[in-house]
Protein backbone atom coordinates (compact mmCIF):
# COMPACT_ATOMS: atom_id res chain seq x y z
CA UNK A 1 112.12 -114.50 34.07
CA UNK A 2 111.66 -113.13 37.57
CA UNK A 3 113.99 -110.41 38.73
CA UNK A 4 114.36 -106.66 39.02
CA UNK A 5 116.29 -103.71 37.67
CA UNK A 6 118.82 -102.40 40.20
CA UNK A 7 117.98 -98.85 41.24
CA UNK A 8 121.65 -97.83 41.41
CA UNK A 9 123.43 -99.48 38.48
CA UNK A 10 120.35 -100.12 36.26
CA UNK A 11 121.39 -103.73 35.61
CA UNK A 12 118.86 -106.55 35.45
CA UNK A 13 119.26 -108.87 38.44
CA UNK A 14 117.79 -112.36 38.28
CA UNK A 15 115.72 -113.49 41.26
CA UNK A 16 117.98 -115.17 43.84
CA UNK A 17 121.16 -113.93 42.12
CA UNK A 18 123.59 -112.11 44.44
CA UNK A 19 124.12 -108.48 43.43
CA UNK A 20 126.38 -105.81 44.88
CA UNK A 21 126.63 -102.89 42.48
CA UNK A 22 128.60 -100.84 45.01
CA UNK A 23 131.66 -103.01 44.60
CA UNK A 24 133.33 -102.25 41.30
CA UNK A 25 136.85 -101.89 39.94
CA UNK A 26 138.89 -99.29 38.10
CA UNK A 27 139.07 -101.67 35.15
CA UNK A 28 135.28 -101.97 35.00
CA UNK A 29 134.83 -98.20 35.14
CA UNK A 30 137.44 -97.49 32.45
CA UNK A 31 136.73 -100.46 30.17
CA UNK A 32 134.68 -98.56 27.57
CA UNK A 33 136.83 -95.42 27.34
CA UNK A 34 138.07 -94.24 23.96
CA UNK A 35 141.84 -94.33 23.33
CA UNK A 36 142.21 -90.59 24.09
CA UNK A 37 140.27 -90.89 27.34
CA UNK A 38 142.13 -94.04 28.36
CA UNK A 39 145.47 -92.27 27.85
CA UNK A 40 144.16 -89.28 29.81
CA UNK A 41 143.01 -91.59 32.61
CA UNK A 42 146.38 -93.39 32.76
CA UNK A 43 148.27 -90.09 32.82
CA UNK A 44 145.97 -88.72 35.51
CA UNK A 45 146.36 -91.82 37.69
CA UNK A 46 150.16 -91.88 37.30
CA UNK A 47 150.40 -88.18 38.16
CA UNK A 48 148.30 -88.57 41.31
CA UNK A 49 150.04 -91.77 42.41
CA UNK A 50 153.40 -89.94 42.24
CA UNK A 51 152.25 -87.47 44.93
CA UNK A 52 152.84 -90.06 47.65
CA UNK A 53 151.01 -92.43 49.95
CA UNK A 54 147.27 -92.59 49.34
CA UNK A 55 144.39 -94.92 48.66
CA UNK A 56 143.03 -95.25 45.11
CA UNK A 57 139.81 -97.22 44.82
CA UNK A 58 136.63 -97.52 42.80
CA UNK A 59 133.33 -96.63 44.39
CA UNK A 60 130.09 -96.98 42.46
CA UNK A 61 130.72 -94.84 39.32
CA UNK A 62 133.81 -92.97 40.53
CA UNK A 63 137.47 -93.65 41.17
CA UNK A 64 138.50 -92.05 44.45
CA UNK A 65 141.90 -90.68 45.46
CA UNK A 66 142.23 -90.19 49.19
CA UNK A 67 144.56 -89.87 52.13
CA UNK A 68 142.51 -89.61 55.31
CA UNK A 69 139.77 -88.00 53.23
CA UNK A 70 139.10 -87.90 49.51
CA UNK A 71 140.99 -85.10 47.80
CA UNK A 72 139.67 -85.74 44.29
CA UNK A 73 137.76 -88.29 42.31
CA UNK A 74 137.19 -89.13 38.66
CA UNK A 75 133.92 -90.10 37.03
CA UNK A 76 134.65 -91.75 33.67
CA UNK A 77 131.96 -90.70 31.19
CA UNK A 78 131.49 -91.70 27.57
CA UNK A 79 132.94 -88.46 26.12
CA UNK A 80 135.06 -87.09 28.98
CA UNK A 81 136.54 -87.68 32.41
CA UNK A 82 134.87 -85.61 35.09
CA UNK A 83 137.29 -84.56 37.84
CA UNK A 84 135.99 -83.35 41.16
CA UNK A 85 138.85 -81.65 43.05
CA UNK A 86 138.52 -80.51 46.69
CA UNK A 87 140.43 -77.30 47.45
CA UNK A 88 140.42 -74.70 50.19
CA UNK A 89 140.01 -71.83 47.74
CA UNK A 90 137.92 -70.96 44.70
CA UNK A 91 139.61 -71.43 41.34
CA UNK A 92 138.87 -68.95 38.59
CA UNK A 93 139.98 -70.73 35.42
CA UNK A 94 138.41 -71.70 32.08
CA UNK A 95 138.92 -75.43 32.85
CA UNK A 96 136.65 -75.22 35.92
CA UNK A 97 133.02 -75.77 34.98
CA UNK A 98 131.47 -75.51 38.45
CA UNK A 99 132.50 -74.60 41.99
CA UNK A 100 130.45 -75.16 45.14
CA UNK A 101 130.89 -75.60 48.87
CA UNK A 102 131.74 -79.18 49.89
CA UNK A 103 132.29 -78.52 53.62
CA UNK A 104 133.22 -75.68 55.95
CA UNK A 105 136.81 -75.83 54.78
CA UNK A 106 136.64 -77.10 51.20
CA UNK A 107 135.10 -76.24 47.86
CA UNK A 108 134.66 -78.77 45.08
CA UNK A 109 135.65 -77.92 41.52
CA UNK A 110 134.33 -79.84 38.51
CA UNK A 111 136.69 -80.13 35.55
CA UNK A 112 136.26 -82.02 32.28
CA UNK A 113 139.16 -83.82 30.63
CA UNK A 114 138.72 -84.92 27.01
CA UNK A 115 142.31 -85.59 25.92
CA UNK A 116 145.54 -86.78 27.54
CA UNK A 117 147.38 -83.52 26.86
CA UNK A 118 145.01 -81.68 29.23
CA UNK A 119 146.55 -83.56 32.16
CA UNK A 120 149.27 -80.97 32.75
CA UNK A 121 149.64 -77.73 34.74
CA UNK A 122 147.54 -76.06 36.01
CA UNK A 123 145.33 -79.14 36.51
CA UNK A 124 148.16 -81.27 37.92
CA UNK A 125 149.13 -78.37 40.21
CA UNK A 126 145.56 -78.22 41.56
CA UNK A 127 145.59 -81.97 42.18
CA UNK A 128 148.83 -81.69 44.13
CA UNK A 129 147.45 -78.73 46.11
CA UNK A 130 144.38 -80.82 46.98
CA UNK A 131 146.63 -83.72 48.01
CA UNK A 132 148.62 -81.49 50.37
CA UNK A 133 145.52 -79.76 51.72
CA UNK A 134 143.80 -83.06 52.52
CA UNK A 135 146.62 -83.94 54.88
CA UNK A 136 146.68 -80.50 56.54
CA UNK A 137 142.94 -80.44 57.21
CA UNK A 138 142.92 -83.95 58.67
CA UNK A 139 145.46 -83.09 61.41
CA UNK A 140 143.99 -82.55 64.89
CA UNK A 141 143.74 -78.84 65.69
CA UNK A 142 144.51 -77.85 62.11
CA UNK A 143 143.52 -74.33 61.24
CA UNK A 144 140.91 -73.88 58.57
CA UNK A 145 143.13 -71.82 56.32
CA UNK A 146 144.64 -72.52 52.94
CA UNK A 147 148.36 -73.13 52.47
CA UNK A 148 148.61 -69.55 51.18
CA UNK A 149 147.26 -68.32 54.54
CA UNK A 150 143.89 -67.15 53.28
CA UNK A 151 141.09 -67.70 55.76
CA UNK A 152 138.35 -70.12 54.76
CA UNK A 153 134.85 -68.84 54.18
CA UNK A 154 132.56 -70.37 56.75
CA UNK A 155 129.06 -71.28 55.67
CA UNK A 156 126.03 -70.09 57.57
CA UNK A 157 124.12 -72.80 59.42
CA UNK A 158 121.64 -74.56 57.16
CA UNK A 159 118.65 -72.99 58.90
CA UNK A 160 119.76 -69.53 57.76
CA UNK A 161 120.53 -70.58 54.20
CA UNK A 162 116.89 -70.70 53.14
CA UNK A 163 116.17 -68.14 50.43
CA UNK A 164 114.07 -65.24 51.56
CA UNK A 165 110.51 -65.32 50.35
CA UNK A 166 109.56 -62.43 48.17
CA UNK A 167 106.02 -61.27 48.57
CA UNK A 168 104.41 -59.97 45.43
CA UNK A 169 101.46 -57.71 45.53
CA UNK A 170 98.76 -58.30 43.02
CA UNK A 171 97.64 -55.21 41.25
CA UNK A 172 96.26 -54.03 37.99
CA UNK A 173 98.15 -55.20 34.94
CA UNK A 174 99.01 -51.62 34.02
CA UNK A 175 100.93 -51.14 37.26
CA UNK A 176 102.95 -54.31 36.72
CA UNK A 177 104.03 -53.24 33.28
CA UNK A 178 102.07 -55.91 31.43
């Protein structure tokens, strides 16, 4: 049987068979979720859809929620839903597992959802804040500040972000404390 394993989706593709792993659906991504995760997903989608006009679509292994730009996405995993929320400020909360710079004006926050009852404030408040921020930042001439008026932290150009090299001097082991 001639064919190959797709680099992206890891499926076996027969020779001559058309394959487009980038086009997927919400149903395909949520098909294997447990009952708790399915209920959490449905509650999450309903909450976000109630915010207003937006585009909800599946892309590779994520389900994207966007206005002019994506304001959050969900990666359904076997044991949890991974939310990636784009905000203009850093959240300090136990639900947030990781925060990092996404752009000059936004930080991404990774949050795990394991049960439907976790889809409530403050998580729903953060999603709504991201929804509102995505519209503000996409307006021409919009200031790069958060709705609360706090100025965004600008990143240094990439060329200056390289870590400084530390030179170590070789010496006798006794001087190094070994």
